[in-house]
mmCIF file of all heavy atoms, coordinates in Angstrom:
data_MODEL
# 
_entry.id   MODEL 
# 
loop_
_atom_site.group_PDB 
_atom_site.id 
_atom_site.type_symbol 
_atom_site.label_atom_id 
_atom_site.label_alt_id 
_atom_site.label_comp_id 
_atom_site.label_asym_id 
_atom_site.label_entity_id 
_atom_site.label_seq_id 
_atom_site.pdbx_PDB_ins_code 
_atom_site.Cartn_x 
_atom_site.Cartn_y 
_atom_site.Cartn_z 
_atom_site.occupancy 
_atom_site.B_iso_or_equiv 
_atom_site.pdbx_formal_charge 
_atom_site.auth_seq_id 
_atom_site.auth_comp_id 
_atom_site.auth_asym_id 
_atom_site.auth_atom_id 
_atom_site.pdbx_PDB_model_num 
ATOM 1   N N   . ALA A 1 1  ? 2.946  -2.965  -14.386 1.00 0.00 ? 1  ALA A N   1 
ATOM 2   C CA  . ALA A 1 1  ? 2.733  -2.824  -12.877 1.00 0.00 ? 1  ALA A CA  1 
ATOM 3   C C   . ALA A 1 1  ? 1.709  -3.631  -12.378 1.00 0.00 ? 1  ALA A C   1 
ATOM 4   O O   . ALA A 1 1  ? 1.783  -4.318  -11.229 1.00 0.00 ? 1  ALA A O   1 
ATOM 5   C CB  . ALA A 1 1  ? 2.442  -1.371  -12.630 1.00 0.00 ? 1  ALA A CB  1 
ATOM 6   N N   . ASP A 1 2  ? 0.604  -3.848  -13.125 1.00 0.00 ? 2  ASP A N   1 
ATOM 7   C CA  . ASP A 1 2  ? -0.485 -4.534  -12.628 1.00 0.00 ? 2  ASP A CA  1 
ATOM 8   C C   . ASP A 1 2  ? -1.559 -4.781  -13.854 1.00 0.00 ? 2  ASP A C   1 
ATOM 9   O O   . ASP A 1 2  ? -1.778 -3.789  -14.544 1.00 0.00 ? 2  ASP A O   1 
ATOM 10  C CB  . ASP A 1 2  ? -1.282 -3.811  -11.530 1.00 0.00 ? 2  ASP A CB  1 
ATOM 11  C CG  . ASP A 1 2  ? -2.301 -4.639  -10.810 1.00 0.00 ? 2  ASP A CG  1 
ATOM 12  O OD1 . ASP A 1 2  ? -3.362 -4.903  -11.513 1.00 0.00 ? 2  ASP A OD1 1 
ATOM 13  O OD2 . ASP A 1 2  ? -2.088 -5.014  -9.695  1.00 0.00 ? 2  ASP A OD2 1 
ATOM 14  N N   . ARG A 1 3  ? -1.944 -6.071  -14.093 1.00 0.00 ? 3  ARG A N   1 
ATOM 15  C CA  . ARG A 1 3  ? -2.790 -6.213  -15.243 1.00 0.00 ? 3  ARG A CA  1 
ATOM 16  C C   . ARG A 1 3  ? -4.093 -5.443  -15.242 1.00 0.00 ? 3  ARG A C   1 
ATOM 17  O O   . ARG A 1 3  ? -4.713 -5.230  -16.252 1.00 0.00 ? 3  ARG A O   1 
ATOM 18  C CB  . ARG A 1 3  ? -3.116 -7.833  -15.295 1.00 0.00 ? 3  ARG A CB  1 
ATOM 19  C CG  . ARG A 1 3  ? -1.881 -8.565  -15.593 1.00 0.00 ? 3  ARG A CG  1 
ATOM 20  C CD  . ARG A 1 3  ? -2.210 -10.039 -15.829 1.00 0.00 ? 3  ARG A CD  1 
ATOM 21  N NE  . ARG A 1 3  ? -0.961 -10.811 -16.096 1.00 0.00 ? 3  ARG A NE  1 
ATOM 22  C CZ  . ARG A 1 3  ? -0.390 -10.943 -17.255 1.00 0.00 ? 3  ARG A CZ  1 
ATOM 23  N NH1 . ARG A 1 3  ? -0.913 -10.290 -18.365 1.00 0.00 ? 3  ARG A NH1 1 
ATOM 24  N NH2 . ARG A 1 3  ? 0.652  -11.636 -17.416 1.00 0.00 ? 3  ARG A NH2 1 
ATOM 25  N N   . SER A 1 4  ? -4.499 -5.057  -14.014 1.00 0.00 ? 4  SER A N   1 
ATOM 26  C CA  . SER A 1 4  ? -5.747 -4.264  -13.909 1.00 0.00 ? 4  SER A CA  1 
ATOM 27  C C   . SER A 1 4  ? -5.505 -2.759  -14.120 1.00 0.00 ? 4  SER A C   1 
ATOM 28  O O   . SER A 1 4  ? -6.452 -1.980  -14.201 1.00 0.00 ? 4  SER A O   1 
ATOM 29  C CB  . SER A 1 4  ? -6.401 -4.505  -12.563 1.00 0.00 ? 4  SER A CB  1 
ATOM 30  O OG  . SER A 1 4  ? -5.582 -3.957  -11.463 1.00 0.00 ? 4  SER A OG  1 
ATOM 31  N N   . GLY A 1 5  ? -4.205 -2.383  -14.242 1.00 0.00 ? 5  GLY A N   1 
ATOM 32  C CA  . GLY A 1 5  ? -3.860 -1.028  -14.451 1.00 0.00 ? 5  GLY A CA  1 
ATOM 33  C C   . GLY A 1 5  ? -3.745 -0.262  -13.114 1.00 0.00 ? 5  GLY A C   1 
ATOM 34  O O   . GLY A 1 5  ? -3.600 0.954   -13.157 1.00 0.00 ? 5  GLY A O   1 
ATOM 35  N N   . THR A 1 6  ? -3.782 -0.898  -12.003 1.00 0.00 ? 6  THR A N   1 
ATOM 36  C CA  . THR A 1 6  ? -3.729 -0.284  -10.762 1.00 0.00 ? 6  THR A CA  1 
ATOM 37  C C   . THR A 1 6  ? -2.305 -0.447  -10.213 1.00 0.00 ? 6  THR A C   1 
ATOM 38  O O   . THR A 1 6  ? -1.582 -1.274  -10.494 1.00 0.00 ? 6  THR A O   1 
ATOM 39  C CB  . THR A 1 6  ? -4.753 -0.849  -9.701  1.00 0.00 ? 6  THR A CB  1 
ATOM 40  O OG1 . THR A 1 6  ? -4.475 -2.155  -9.511  1.00 0.00 ? 6  THR A OG1 1 
ATOM 41  C CG2 . THR A 1 6  ? -6.095 -0.725  -10.224 1.00 0.00 ? 6  THR A CG2 1 
ATOM 42  N N   . GLN A 1 7  ? -2.007 0.522   -9.237  1.00 0.00 ? 7  GLN A N   1 
ATOM 43  C CA  . GLN A 1 7  ? -0.698 0.464   -8.569  1.00 0.00 ? 7  GLN A CA  1 
ATOM 44  C C   . GLN A 1 7  ? -0.841 -0.371  -7.300  1.00 0.00 ? 7  GLN A C   1 
ATOM 45  O O   . GLN A 1 7  ? -1.956 -0.615  -6.769  1.00 0.00 ? 7  GLN A O   1 
ATOM 46  C CB  . GLN A 1 7  ? -0.285 1.861   -8.190  1.00 0.00 ? 7  GLN A CB  1 
ATOM 47  C CG  . GLN A 1 7  ? 0.025  2.736   -9.381  1.00 0.00 ? 7  GLN A CG  1 
ATOM 48  C CD  . GLN A 1 7  ? 1.329  2.280   -10.107 1.00 0.00 ? 7  GLN A CD  1 
ATOM 49  O OE1 . GLN A 1 7  ? 2.223  1.691   -9.470  1.00 0.00 ? 7  GLN A OE1 1 
ATOM 50  N NE2 . GLN A 1 7  ? 1.228  2.333   -11.427 1.00 0.00 ? 7  GLN A NE2 1 
ATOM 51  N N   . PRO A 1 8  ? 0.273  -0.946  -6.758  1.00 0.00 ? 8  PRO A N   1 
ATOM 52  C CA  . PRO A 1 8  ? 0.155  -1.688  -5.530  1.00 0.00 ? 8  PRO A CA  1 
ATOM 53  C C   . PRO A 1 8  ? -0.431 -0.919  -4.376  1.00 0.00 ? 8  PRO A C   1 
ATOM 54  O O   . PRO A 1 8  ? -0.154 0.288   -4.354  1.00 0.00 ? 8  PRO A O   1 
ATOM 55  C CB  . PRO A 1 8  ? 1.644  -2.094  -5.265  1.00 0.00 ? 8  PRO A CB  1 
ATOM 56  C CG  . PRO A 1 8  ? 2.330  -2.019  -6.586  1.00 0.00 ? 8  PRO A CG  1 
ATOM 57  C CD  . PRO A 1 8  ? 1.652  -0.957  -7.299  1.00 0.00 ? 8  PRO A CD  1 
ATOM 58  N N   . PRO A 1 9  ? -1.158 -1.532  -3.474  1.00 0.00 ? 9  PRO A N   1 
ATOM 59  C CA  . PRO A 1 9  ? -1.736 -0.741  -2.326  1.00 0.00 ? 9  PRO A CA  1 
ATOM 60  C C   . PRO A 1 9  ? -0.652 -0.073  -1.517  1.00 0.00 ? 9  PRO A C   1 
ATOM 61  O O   . PRO A 1 9  ? 0.442  -0.655  -1.175  1.00 0.00 ? 9  PRO A O   1 
ATOM 62  C CB  . PRO A 1 9  ? -2.419 -1.772  -1.525  1.00 0.00 ? 9  PRO A CB  1 
ATOM 63  C CG  . PRO A 1 9  ? -1.778 -3.063  -1.897  1.00 0.00 ? 9  PRO A CG  1 
ATOM 64  C CD  . PRO A 1 9  ? -1.445 -2.923  -3.382  1.00 0.00 ? 9  PRO A CD  1 
ATOM 65  N N   . GLY A 1 10 ? -0.854 1.233   -1.176  1.00 0.00 ? 10 GLY A N   1 
ATOM 66  C CA  . GLY A 1 10 ? 0.039  1.931   -0.265  1.00 0.00 ? 10 GLY A CA  1 
ATOM 67  C C   . GLY A 1 10 ? 1.261  2.530   -0.979  1.00 0.00 ? 10 GLY A C   1 
ATOM 68  O O   . GLY A 1 10 ? 2.093  3.098   -0.427  1.00 0.00 ? 10 GLY A O   1 
ATOM 69  N N   . ASP A 1 11 ? 1.405  2.333   -2.328  1.00 0.00 ? 11 ASP A N   1 
ATOM 70  C CA  . ASP A 1 11 ? 2.555  2.720   -3.056  1.00 0.00 ? 11 ASP A CA  1 
ATOM 71  C C   . ASP A 1 11 ? 2.243  3.682   -4.250  1.00 0.00 ? 11 ASP A C   1 
ATOM 72  O O   . ASP A 1 11 ? 3.014  3.756   -5.090  1.00 0.00 ? 11 ASP A O   1 
ATOM 73  C CB  . ASP A 1 11 ? 3.448  1.614   -3.535  1.00 0.00 ? 11 ASP A CB  1 
ATOM 74  C CG  . ASP A 1 11 ? 4.928  1.939   -3.731  1.00 0.00 ? 11 ASP A CG  1 
ATOM 75  O OD1 . ASP A 1 11 ? 5.352  2.873   -2.987  1.00 0.00 ? 11 ASP A OD1 1 
ATOM 76  O OD2 . ASP A 1 11 ? 5.510  1.278   -4.553  1.00 0.00 ? 11 ASP A OD2 1 
ATOM 77  N N   . GLY A 1 12 ? 1.125  4.245   -4.195  1.00 0.00 ? 12 GLY A N   1 
ATOM 78  C CA  . GLY A 1 12 ? 0.606  5.020   -5.353  1.00 0.00 ? 12 GLY A CA  1 
ATOM 79  C C   . GLY A 1 12 ? -0.454 5.951   -5.027  1.00 0.00 ? 12 GLY A C   1 
ATOM 80  O O   . GLY A 1 12 ? -1.004 5.942   -3.852  1.00 0.00 ? 12 GLY A O   1 
ATOM 81  N N   . PRO A 1 13 ? -0.735 6.961   -5.778  1.00 0.00 ? 13 PRO A N   1 
ATOM 82  C CA  . PRO A 1 13 ? -1.875 7.940   -5.466  1.00 0.00 ? 13 PRO A CA  1 
ATOM 83  C C   . PRO A 1 13 ? -3.177 7.239   -5.328  1.00 0.00 ? 13 PRO A C   1 
ATOM 84  O O   . PRO A 1 13 ? -3.468 6.259   -6.091  1.00 0.00 ? 13 PRO A O   1 
ATOM 85  C CB  . PRO A 1 13 ? -1.814 8.901   -6.727  1.00 0.00 ? 13 PRO A CB  1 
ATOM 86  C CG  . PRO A 1 13 ? -1.163 8.051   -7.769  1.00 0.00 ? 13 PRO A CG  1 
ATOM 87  C CD  . PRO A 1 13 ? -0.117 7.203   -7.186  1.00 0.00 ? 13 PRO A CD  1 
ATOM 88  N N   . GLY A 1 14 ? -3.921 7.662   -4.342  1.00 0.00 ? 14 GLY A N   1 
ATOM 89  C CA  . GLY A 1 14 ? -5.311 7.175   -4.195  1.00 0.00 ? 14 GLY A CA  1 
ATOM 90  C C   . GLY A 1 14 ? -5.284 5.914   -3.367  1.00 0.00 ? 14 GLY A C   1 
ATOM 91  O O   . GLY A 1 14 ? -6.425 5.300   -3.151  1.00 0.00 ? 14 GLY A O   1 
ATOM 92  N N   . ARG A 1 15 ? -4.153 5.397   -2.957  1.00 0.00 ? 15 ARG A N   1 
ATOM 93  C CA  . ARG A 1 15 ? -4.101 4.129   -2.207  1.00 0.00 ? 15 ARG A CA  1 
ATOM 94  C C   . ARG A 1 15 ? -4.089 4.415   -0.720  1.00 0.00 ? 15 ARG A C   1 
ATOM 95  O O   . ARG A 1 15 ? -3.765 5.568   -0.229  1.00 0.00 ? 15 ARG A O   1 
ATOM 96  C CB  . ARG A 1 15 ? -2.908 3.255   -2.673  1.00 0.00 ? 15 ARG A CB  1 
ATOM 97  C CG  . ARG A 1 15 ? -2.877 3.040   -4.081  1.00 0.00 ? 15 ARG A CG  1 
ATOM 98  C CD  . ARG A 1 15 ? -4.088 2.188   -4.526  1.00 0.00 ? 15 ARG A CD  1 
ATOM 99  N NE  . ARG A 1 15 ? -4.305 2.212   -5.935  1.00 0.00 ? 15 ARG A NE  1 
ATOM 100 C CZ  . ARG A 1 15 ? -5.513 1.726   -6.526  1.00 0.00 ? 15 ARG A CZ  1 
ATOM 101 N NH1 . ARG A 1 15 ? -6.443 1.212   -5.661  1.00 0.00 ? 15 ARG A NH1 1 
ATOM 102 N NH2 . ARG A 1 15 ? -5.667 1.783   -7.773  1.00 0.00 ? 15 ARG A NH2 1 
ATOM 103 N N   . THR A 1 16 ? -4.300 3.417   0.132   1.00 0.00 ? 16 THR A N   1 
ATOM 104 C CA  . THR A 1 16 ? -4.098 3.528   1.505   1.00 0.00 ? 16 THR A CA  1 
ATOM 105 C C   . THR A 1 16 ? -2.811 3.908   1.915   1.00 0.00 ? 16 THR A C   1 
ATOM 106 O O   . THR A 1 16 ? -1.857 3.258   1.563   1.00 0.00 ? 16 THR A O   1 
ATOM 107 C CB  . THR A 1 16 ? -4.517 2.179   2.250   1.00 0.00 ? 16 THR A CB  1 
ATOM 108 O OG1 . THR A 1 16 ? -5.800 1.657   1.787   1.00 0.00 ? 16 THR A OG1 1 
ATOM 109 C CG2 . THR A 1 16 ? -4.473 2.283   3.688   1.00 0.00 ? 16 THR A CG2 1 
ATOM 110 N N   . PRO A 1 17 ? -2.705 5.054   2.624   1.00 0.00 ? 17 PRO A N   1 
ATOM 111 C CA  . PRO A 1 17 ? -1.356 5.506   2.871   1.00 0.00 ? 17 PRO A CA  1 
ATOM 112 C C   . PRO A 1 17 ? -0.583 4.637   3.843   1.00 0.00 ? 17 PRO A C   1 
ATOM 113 O O   . PRO A 1 17 ? -1.122 3.959   4.747   1.00 0.00 ? 17 PRO A O   1 
ATOM 114 C CB  . PRO A 1 17 ? -1.645 6.934   3.602   1.00 0.00 ? 17 PRO A CB  1 
ATOM 115 C CG  . PRO A 1 17 ? -2.933 6.815   4.211   1.00 0.00 ? 17 PRO A CG  1 
ATOM 116 C CD  . PRO A 1 17 ? -3.718 5.889   3.157   1.00 0.00 ? 17 PRO A CD  1 
ATOM 117 N N   . LEU A 1 18 ? 0.757  4.513   3.595   1.00 0.00 ? 18 LEU A N   1 
ATOM 118 C CA  . LEU A 1 18 ? 1.619  3.708   4.409   1.00 0.00 ? 18 LEU A CA  1 
ATOM 119 C C   . LEU A 1 18 ? 1.931  4.508   5.621   1.00 0.00 ? 18 LEU A C   1 
ATOM 120 O O   . LEU A 1 18 ? 2.285  5.677   5.608   1.00 0.00 ? 18 LEU A O   1 
ATOM 121 C CB  . LEU A 1 18 ? 2.952  3.388   3.708   1.00 0.00 ? 18 LEU A CB  1 
ATOM 122 C CG  . LEU A 1 18 ? 3.776  2.218   4.186   1.00 0.00 ? 18 LEU A CG  1 
ATOM 123 C CD1 . LEU A 1 18 ? 2.964  0.932   4.186   1.00 0.00 ? 18 LEU A CD1 1 
ATOM 124 C CD2 . LEU A 1 18 ? 5.100  2.134   3.372   1.00 0.00 ? 18 LEU A CD2 1 
ATOM 125 N N   . THR A 1 19 ? 1.768  3.885   6.798   1.00 0.00 ? 19 THR A N   1 
ATOM 126 C CA  . THR A 1 19 ? 1.979  4.575   8.084   1.00 0.00 ? 19 THR A CA  1 
ATOM 127 C C   . THR A 1 19 ? 2.820  3.667   8.963   1.00 0.00 ? 19 THR A C   1 
ATOM 128 O O   . THR A 1 19 ? 2.975  2.470   8.642   1.00 0.00 ? 19 THR A O   1 
ATOM 129 C CB  . THR A 1 19 ? 0.720  4.845   8.831   1.00 0.00 ? 19 THR A CB  1 
ATOM 130 O OG1 . THR A 1 19 ? -0.004 3.627   9.127   1.00 0.00 ? 19 THR A OG1 1 
ATOM 131 C CG2 . THR A 1 19 ? -0.224 5.801   8.059   1.00 0.00 ? 19 THR A CG2 1 
ATOM 132 N N   . ARG A 1 20 ? 3.379  4.168   9.987   1.00 0.00 ? 20 ARG A N   1 
ATOM 133 C CA  . ARG A 1 20 ? 4.265  3.355   10.927  1.00 0.00 ? 20 ARG A CA  1 
ATOM 134 C C   . ARG A 1 20 ? 3.333  2.230   11.508  1.00 0.00 ? 20 ARG A C   1 
ATOM 135 O O   . ARG A 1 20 ? 3.743  1.171   11.732  1.00 0.00 ? 20 ARG A O   1 
ATOM 136 C CB  . ARG A 1 20 ? 4.768  4.252   12.029  1.00 0.00 ? 20 ARG A CB  1 
ATOM 137 C CG  . ARG A 1 20 ? 5.697  3.491   12.969  1.00 0.00 ? 20 ARG A CG  1 
ATOM 138 C CD  . ARG A 1 20 ? 6.410  4.429   13.937  1.00 0.00 ? 20 ARG A CD  1 
ATOM 139 N NE  . ARG A 1 20 ? 7.291  3.740   14.811  1.00 0.00 ? 20 ARG A NE  1 
ATOM 140 C CZ  . ARG A 1 20 ? 7.015  3.103   15.940  1.00 0.00 ? 20 ARG A CZ  1 
ATOM 141 N NH1 . ARG A 1 20 ? 5.773  3.147   16.367  1.00 0.00 ? 20 ARG A NH1 1 
ATOM 142 N NH2 . ARG A 1 20 ? 7.939  2.457   16.694  1.00 0.00 ? 20 ARG A NH2 1 
ATOM 143 N N   . GLU A 1 21 ? 2.064  2.600   11.816  1.00 0.00 ? 21 GLU A N   1 
ATOM 144 C CA  . GLU A 1 21 ? 1.182  1.603   12.482  1.00 0.00 ? 21 GLU A CA  1 
ATOM 145 C C   . GLU A 1 21 ? 0.953  0.485   11.550  1.00 0.00 ? 21 GLU A C   1 
ATOM 146 O O   . GLU A 1 21 ? 0.849  -0.640  11.918  1.00 0.00 ? 21 GLU A O   1 
ATOM 147 C CB  . GLU A 1 21 ? -0.223 2.330   12.862  1.00 0.00 ? 21 GLU A CB  1 
ATOM 148 C CG  . GLU A 1 21 ? -0.078 3.233   14.025  1.00 0.00 ? 21 GLU A CG  1 
ATOM 149 C CD  . GLU A 1 21 ? 0.693  4.497   13.718  1.00 0.00 ? 21 GLU A CD  1 
ATOM 150 O OE1 . GLU A 1 21 ? 0.814  4.959   12.541  1.00 0.00 ? 21 GLU A OE1 1 
ATOM 151 O OE2 . GLU A 1 21 ? 1.299  5.123   14.645  1.00 0.00 ? 21 GLU A OE2 1 
ATOM 152 N N   . ARG A 1 22 ? 0.679  0.774   10.163  1.00 0.00 ? 22 ARG A N   1 
ATOM 153 C CA  . ARG A 1 22 ? 0.393  -0.280  9.219   1.00 0.00 ? 22 ARG A CA  1 
ATOM 154 C C   . ARG A 1 22 ? 1.708  -1.197  9.080   1.00 0.00 ? 22 ARG A C   1 
ATOM 155 O O   . ARG A 1 22 ? 1.621  -2.386  8.980   1.00 0.00 ? 22 ARG A O   1 
ATOM 156 C CB  . ARG A 1 22 ? 0.124  0.367   7.799   1.00 0.00 ? 22 ARG A CB  1 
ATOM 157 C CG  . ARG A 1 22 ? -1.256 0.817   7.646   1.00 0.00 ? 22 ARG A CG  1 
ATOM 158 C CD  . ARG A 1 22 ? -1.610 1.052   6.213   1.00 0.00 ? 22 ARG A CD  1 
ATOM 159 N NE  . ARG A 1 22 ? -1.490 -0.250  5.423   1.00 0.00 ? 22 ARG A NE  1 
ATOM 160 C CZ  . ARG A 1 22 ? -1.207 -0.233  4.100   1.00 0.00 ? 22 ARG A CZ  1 
ATOM 161 N NH1 . ARG A 1 22 ? -0.957 0.859   3.435   1.00 0.00 ? 22 ARG A NH1 1 
ATOM 162 N NH2 . ARG A 1 22 ? -1.106 -1.390  3.458   1.00 0.00 ? 22 ARG A NH2 1 
ATOM 163 N N   . VAL A 1 23 ? 2.877  -0.528  9.067   1.00 0.00 ? 23 VAL A N   1 
ATOM 164 C CA  . VAL A 1 23 ? 4.111  -1.269  8.909   1.00 0.00 ? 23 VAL A CA  1 
ATOM 165 C C   . VAL A 1 23 ? 4.317  -2.236  10.125  1.00 0.00 ? 23 VAL A C   1 
ATOM 166 O O   . VAL A 1 23 ? 4.551  -3.443  9.891   1.00 0.00 ? 23 VAL A O   1 
ATOM 167 C CB  . VAL A 1 23 ? 5.310  -0.298  8.786   1.00 0.00 ? 23 VAL A CB  1 
ATOM 168 C CG1 . VAL A 1 23 ? 6.640  -1.173  8.836   1.00 0.00 ? 23 VAL A CG1 1 
ATOM 169 C CG2 . VAL A 1 23 ? 5.210  0.455   7.515   1.00 0.00 ? 23 VAL A CG2 1 
ATOM 170 N N   . LEU A 1 24 ? 4.146  -1.722  11.284  1.00 0.00 ? 24 LEU A N   1 
ATOM 171 C CA  . LEU A 1 24 ? 4.289  -2.567  12.445  1.00 0.00 ? 24 LEU A CA  1 
ATOM 172 C C   . LEU A 1 24 ? 3.252  -3.614  12.614  1.00 0.00 ? 24 LEU A C   1 
ATOM 173 O O   . LEU A 1 24 ? 3.448  -4.773  12.986  1.00 0.00 ? 24 LEU A O   1 
ATOM 174 C CB  . LEU A 1 24 ? 4.307  -1.699  13.726  1.00 0.00 ? 24 LEU A CB  1 
ATOM 175 C CG  . LEU A 1 24 ? 5.530  -0.732  13.865  1.00 0.00 ? 24 LEU A CG  1 
ATOM 176 C CD1 . LEU A 1 24 ? 5.458  0.066   15.126  1.00 0.00 ? 24 LEU A CD1 1 
ATOM 177 C CD2 . LEU A 1 24 ? 6.888  -1.488  13.735  1.00 0.00 ? 24 LEU A CD2 1 
ATOM 178 N N   . GLY A 1 25 ? 1.978  -3.335  12.216  1.00 0.00 ? 25 GLY A N   1 
ATOM 179 C CA  . GLY A 1 25 ? 0.912  -4.285  12.284  1.00 0.00 ? 25 GLY A CA  1 
ATOM 180 C C   . GLY A 1 25 ? 1.182  -5.451  11.364  1.00 0.00 ? 25 GLY A C   1 
ATOM 181 O O   . GLY A 1 25 ? 0.967  -6.584  11.643  1.00 0.00 ? 25 GLY A O   1 
ATOM 182 N N   . CYS A 1 26 ? 1.703  -5.194  10.154  1.00 0.00 ? 26 CYS A N   1 
ATOM 183 C CA  . CYS A 1 26 ? 2.034  -6.204  9.183   1.00 0.00 ? 26 CYS A CA  1 
ATOM 184 C C   . CYS A 1 26 ? 3.201  -7.000  9.659   1.00 0.00 ? 26 CYS A C   1 
ATOM 185 O O   . CYS A 1 26 ? 3.253  -8.274  9.515   1.00 0.00 ? 26 CYS A O   1 
ATOM 186 C CB  . CYS A 1 26 ? 2.353  -5.483  7.858   1.00 0.00 ? 26 CYS A CB  1 
ATOM 187 S SG  . CYS A 1 26 ? 2.618  -6.647  6.508   1.00 0.00 ? 26 CYS A SG  1 
ATOM 188 N N   . ALA A 1 27 ? 4.236  -6.343  10.280  1.00 0.00 ? 27 ALA A N   1 
ATOM 189 C CA  . ALA A 1 27 ? 5.367  -7.032  10.741  1.00 0.00 ? 27 ALA A CA  1 
ATOM 190 C C   . ALA A 1 27 ? 4.948  -8.038  11.907  1.00 0.00 ? 27 ALA A C   1 
ATOM 191 O O   . ALA A 1 27 ? 5.490  -9.156  11.927  1.00 0.00 ? 27 ALA A O   1 
ATOM 192 C CB  . ALA A 1 27 ? 6.360  -6.044  11.333  1.00 0.00 ? 27 ALA A CB  1 
ATOM 193 N N   . LEU A 1 28 ? 4.094  -7.660  12.741  1.00 0.00 ? 28 LEU A N   1 
ATOM 194 C CA  . LEU A 1 28 ? 3.547  -8.439  13.779  1.00 0.00 ? 28 LEU A CA  1 
ATOM 195 C C   . LEU A 1 28 ? 2.864  -9.709  13.223  1.00 0.00 ? 28 LEU A C   1 
ATOM 196 O O   . LEU A 1 28 ? 2.973  -10.812 13.669  1.00 0.00 ? 28 LEU A O   1 
ATOM 197 C CB  . LEU A 1 28 ? 2.575  -7.665  14.696  1.00 0.00 ? 28 LEU A CB  1 
ATOM 198 C CG  . LEU A 1 28 ? 2.012  -8.429  15.937  1.00 0.00 ? 28 LEU A CG  1 
ATOM 199 C CD1 . LEU A 1 28 ? 3.052  -8.643  16.912  1.00 0.00 ? 28 LEU A CD1 1 
ATOM 200 C CD2 . LEU A 1 28 ? 0.847  -7.581  16.502  1.00 0.00 ? 28 LEU A CD2 1 
# 
């Protein structure tokens, strides 16, 4: 998953939660 042993941001426990605002901001 990751050489550091962490999960991708927004897709695992303890990560920045994925929100509609984040999705749209990234799309923009």
